[in-house]
Amino acid sequence: MCPEPLTEPLAASIPDELTLYRALSLPSAQKATMEKMVRSQLEASVLWGEDSFVWAWQYDPDPFQPGLQRVLLCAARKDVSKQLTDSCKLLGCAPAILVPSAVALAAYWRLSGSEGGSVALLDVAARSTTVVVLHRGSILKCGLSDQGGDHWTDLIAAELGLPVERAEAAKLEYLSRGTPAEAGAALPGCMERALGLWCRQLREVYAGCVEGVPAQNRPGRCVLFGRASRTPGLQAVVADTLGLEVRPPPRPPRLSLADDVELDQAATAIGAALCQLEADRPVASLAVQARPQRPAIREFAWRWAAILAWLVGVVAALYGLDRHEAWWLRGAVERVRSSAGGPGGLEQQLAIARYLERAGATPLAILEEISSLAPGQVMLTRWSYDRNGEVRISGTAPNEQEFQAFLEKLRDSAMLGHVEPRGTRREQNTFRFDLAFQAGAGRSSAAPSTATQPAALTQPTQPAPATQPVQPAPPGEEPQAAPPGEAPGAAAPSGPAGPVTPEAAAPTGSNAATAPSVHTGEPEQPKGTATQPEAGL
């Protein structure tokens, strides 16, 4: 413990292996507004809500994006910050600021007066290696590797069986002058393996730090910090790995140190003290009191506000879906009404359907008849059915013979009637045709529909006497009507008396099988010429 308490402010730095870094760009604003934007970024961070971390930030103008600020966020475990604070209290006072090593090295570089251009600061510490990319004294990015000088010492001590002190001395002597005699010939291979792994990690960290930086603004030199920073061997390894000019840290002209203080090992402490003196620049201090704790009531209210906002959003989304569905249903109803032609549209469509059923075969029946008659090699490409009952079909056949065979089948159909070609055309490998016919015209030989003979289905006829002669009416008198129950054809003779023939008195419809025959003496009429009603309406 210090015999006399310190009266000057105390500054300390946290090793980089205990620190997290994140760099981002935000719009330029006043200090209070900038702090609000930074806090909003921290609110979205996963580690911000953890009580085991303490956060800090600093910002400078972005050199490559005018109008923006380059913000550096730093975080450390709260127990580490508290432990360092307690250690400083043993000297008589708590530290005024507690900055990461990368921030301290940037302050040291600004003190040296070499802020022009871009530069890479490389701090080879005991347990880590830090890469800091600066442009005109402002931090652009920070990177960290978990390999440091103590890892090389531990590897030498383990493989060569040396104490840690002798292994550390052998490492420094190897980096300075080559292989020491007492270490033996095994030291070069051991150091090459240790430096090879470290160089691979260093190359990856540096590539991440210069990513997004314009090529003309990338660093052209590297300043090496650490205990072994002035050894020629380490400088050569870093130069080969990064492809940069490597030099040790310069000594600031205005800096005076005690005789027992080594500049290479005290650079981070000096930088932390300079951060305390730079009152005009924002400094990321990781002291425990740097992050204000949010009240529990505010946290509770914030969570309930978030839940309420989520519920309101869900209700609004469901309401919007219902409104959209109602709008779609209204449009569907309007489309049905317009397509149906108003309230009378459905009746009109039903009337057309009844007319088609009464006049002849339905379009589906006609299409089925045509499809059944078409050979396998005849292809139908188009057909139409208009209100007048005219049917048009178009298709292709492999040759004219197949077409003529198909045409004969259509003409022989009792449903289709007389089919007339409207056009034929012979192509290279096909024969195209266009046919037309009148729907229902081919039903002349079929039995009449129930709509033309309603009485035949509801009132059965009485059979007429088969042997009763019919007397001719005297001149000038009207023939008498047939008695009730007799067939209509038996009461109206058309010639001299004679036996009644079945052909002359054949009833229509379903009575054709039960009505008797009466011979009238007239010549026989061809079947289906006068007794068959016309098809259709």
Foldseek 3Di string as FASTA:
>chain_A
DDPDADPDAAFEEDEPVQKDKDKDKDFDDDPVVVVVVVVVVLVPDPCSPPPQKFKWKFWDQDPVDPRIIIMMIMMGTQVSLVVVQVVVCVNPHGHPFYAYLLQLLLLLVVLQVPQAAKEWEWEQEQQKIKIFIHHSSDTRDIFIDRDHDVVLLVQLCVVQVDDSVVSSVQVLCCLAPRGDPVSDPCSVVSNCVSLVVVLVVVLVRVVVRCPPPDPVRGHQAYEYADPSLPGNNVQVSVCVSNVHHYDYDDDRPPDDDDPPDDCRVCSSSNSRVSVVVPPVGGGTGRNPVPDDDDDPVVVVVVVVVVVVVVVVVVVVVVVVVVVVVVVVVVVVVVVVCVVLVHPCSVVVVVVLVVQDVQQADDPVVVVVLLVVLQDPQKAWDDWDADSQQKIKTKTKHQDVVSVVSSQVSQCPDLFFHHKDWPDWDDDDGIIITMIMGGGFQSPLVPAHDCVVPVCVVPPPAAADDQPDKDQDDDPPDDFDADPPRYQRQVRDADADIDFFALQSRQAGDPCNVPYHGGNRPDDGDDPSPPRGDGGHD
